[in-house]
Structures are given as C-alpha cells and as structure tokens.
Amino acid sequence: MLRKAPEGSAYPLAAQKGKILVLNFWATWCGPCRALEPLYEKVAAEFRDDPGVLFLAADCDDDESLVVPISKK
C-alpha cells in the first residue's frame, strides 16, 4: 500500500515491515489534535535513534493544501 510523503511522493509502507509503527491521525481543524502535537513530537524525538520504531502522522483534511502551512510551524 502506498501513501504520500510530505513532499507528495509515494511512501511504501511495505518497506517498514517488522517495525513498530506509531500513527497519529490528525486534522488542521482539530484543536485536540493540534494540542497533542508537542507531546507526539517529544515522544518521537525520544525514539529518533531507534530504527525499529517509526512515527507517522496522517492528515485527515479534505484539502491537503492546509497541511503545509501547519507543518512548517
């Protein structure tokens, strides 16, 4: 199954087989999602050097153009 990477290219999940995947489903309009982001970033940073753990964020907005300005903050 393919998903898009932030720059719009395909992201093959099959290449991550065997890893622990931590998924964060969020949307730009979701206040609780945005409030959780600093905690998500902190935990992801704690596992940054562990090749067996991968953190992915999945935006649930209908308009993908809303994501770029939020992700650059």
C-alpha atoms as a PDB file:
ATOM      1  CA  MET A   1       0.000   0.000   0.000  1.00  0.00           C
ATOM      2  CA  LEU A   2       1.349   3.440  -0.874  1.00  0.00           C
ATOM      3  CA  ARG A   3       0.826   6.699   0.949  1.00  0.00           C
ATOM      4  CA  LYS A   4       2.156  10.140   0.136  1.00  0.00           C
ATOM      5  CA  ALA A   5       5.208  11.549   1.856  1.00  0.00           C
ATOM      6  CA  PRO A   6       5.067  15.250   2.824  1.00  0.00           C
ATOM      7  CA  GLU A   7       6.596  16.289  -0.485  1.00  0.00           C
ATOM      8  CA  GLY A   8       3.936  14.319  -2.380  1.00  0.00           C
ATOM      9  CA  SER A   9       5.972  11.286  -3.388  1.00  0.00           C
ATOM     10  CA  ALA A  10       4.844   7.711  -2.771  1.00  0.00           C
ATOM     11  CA  TYR A  11       5.655   6.245   0.640  1.00  0.00           C
ATOM     12  CA  PRO A  12       5.783   2.428   0.579  1.00  0.00           C
ATOM     13  CA  LEU A  13       4.623   1.051   3.937  1.00  0.00           C
ATOM     14  CA  ALA A  14       5.774  -2.453   2.976  1.00  0.00           C
ATOM     15  CA  ALA A  15       9.362  -1.273   3.463  1.00  0.00           C
ATOM     16  CA  GLN A  16       8.547  -0.745   7.157  1.00  0.00           C
ATOM     17  CA  LYS A  17       7.544  -4.366   7.790  1.00  0.00           C
ATOM     18  CA  GLY A  18       8.694  -5.557  11.197  1.00  0.00           C
ATOM     19  CA  LYS A  19       8.923  -2.076  12.698  1.00  0.00           C
ATOM     20  CA  ILE A  20       6.700  -0.647  15.386  1.00  0.00           C
ATOM     21  CA  LEU A  21       4.547   2.000  13.702  1.00  0.00           C
ATOM     22  CA  VAL A  22       3.098   4.797  15.802  1.00  0.00           C
ATOM     23  CA  LEU A  23       0.361   6.519  13.802  1.00  0.00           C
ATOM     24  CA  ASN A  24      -1.008   9.961  14.561  1.00  0.00           C
ATOM     25  CA  PHE A  25      -4.244  10.756  12.740  1.00  0.00           C
ATOM     26  CA  TRP A  26      -4.893  14.496  12.844  1.00  0.00           C
ATOM     27  CA  ALA A  27      -6.508  17.407  11.016  1.00  0.00           C
ATOM     28  CA  THR A  28      -5.784  21.130  10.859  1.00  0.00           C
ATOM     29  CA  TRP A  29      -9.268  21.961  12.182  1.00  0.00           C
ATOM     30  CA  CYS A  30      -8.951  19.630  15.204  1.00  0.00           C
ATOM     31  CA  GLY A  31      -7.996  21.554  18.341  1.00  0.00           C
ATOM     32  CA  PRO A  32      -7.216  18.459  20.448  1.00  0.00           C
ATOM     33  CA  CYS A  33      -5.063  17.092  17.608  1.00  0.00           C
ATOM     34  CA  ARG A  34      -3.021  20.290  17.480  1.00  0.00           C
ATOM     35  CA  ALA A  35      -2.727  20.378  21.280  1.00  0.00           C
ATOM     36  CA  LEU A  36      -1.348  16.817  21.229  1.00  0.00           C
ATOM     37  CA  GLU A  37       1.308  17.617  18.606  1.00  0.00           C
ATOM     38  CA  PRO A  38       4.050  18.802  21.043  1.00  0.00           C
ATOM     39  CA  LEU A  39       3.699  15.583  23.058  1.00  0.00           C
ATOM     40  CA  TYR A  40       3.781  13.474  19.885  1.00  0.00           C
ATOM     41  CA  GLU A  41       6.935  15.313  18.756  1.00  0.00           C
ATOM     42  CA  LYS A  42       8.572  14.802  22.161  1.00  0.00           C
ATOM     43  CA  VAL A  43       7.927  11.059  22.206  1.00  0.00           C
ATOM     44  CA  ALA A  44       9.025  10.721  18.569  1.00  0.00           C
ATOM     45  CA  ALA A  45      12.277  12.517  19.437  1.00  0.00           C
ATOM     46  CA  GLU A  46      12.910  10.024  22.260  1.00  0.00           C
ATOM     47  CA  PHE A  47      12.794   7.176  19.721  1.00  0.00           C
ATOM     48  CA  ARG A  48      14.560   9.017  16.877  1.00  0.00           C
ATOM     49  CA  ASP A  49      17.663   6.785  17.087  1.00  0.00           C
ATOM     50  CA  ASP A  50      15.718   3.508  17.295  1.00  0.00           C
ATOM     51  CA  PRO A  51      15.485   2.017  13.788  1.00  0.00           C
ATOM     52  CA  GLY A  52      12.763  -0.390  14.934  1.00  0.00           C
ATOM     53  CA  VAL A  53      10.258   2.369  15.702  1.00  0.00           C
ATOM     54  CA  LEU A  54       8.688   4.683  13.141  1.00  0.00           C
ATOM     55  CA  PHE A  55       6.361   7.613  13.836  1.00  0.00           C
ATOM     56  CA  LEU A  56       3.988   8.644  11.068  1.00  0.00           C
ATOM     57  CA  ALA A  57       1.409  11.421  11.006  1.00  0.00           C
ATOM     58  CA  ALA A  58      -1.643  11.048   8.783  1.00  0.00           C
ATOM     59  CA  ASP A  59      -3.564  14.211   7.964  1.00  0.00           C
ATOM     60  CA  CYS A  60      -7.322  13.752   7.629  1.00  0.00           C
ATOM     61  CA  ASP A  61      -8.112  17.079   5.941  1.00  0.00           C
ATOM     62  CA  ASP A  62     -10.038  17.059   2.687  1.00  0.00           C
ATOM     63  CA  ASP A  63      -7.901  19.965   1.451  1.00  0.00           C
ATOM     64  CA  GLU A  64      -4.246  18.876   1.541  1.00  0.00           C
ATOM     65  CA  SER A  65      -3.072  22.443   0.879  1.00  0.00           C
ATOM     66  CA  LEU A  66      -3.930  23.276   4.512  1.00  0.00           C
ATOM     67  CA  VAL A  67      -1.257  20.916   5.811  1.00  0.00           C
ATOM     68  CA  VAL A  68       1.887  22.635   4.536  1.00  0.00           C
ATOM     69  CA  PRO A  69       1.446  25.895   6.487  1.00  0.00           C
ATOM     70  CA  ILE A  70       0.730  23.966   9.714  1.00  0.00           C
ATOM     71  CA  SER A  71       3.651  21.569   9.308  1.00  0.00           C
ATOM     72  CA  LYS A  72       6.122  24.432   8.851  1.00  0.00           C
ATOM     73  CA  LYS A  73       5.370  25.923  12.292  1.00  0.00           C
END
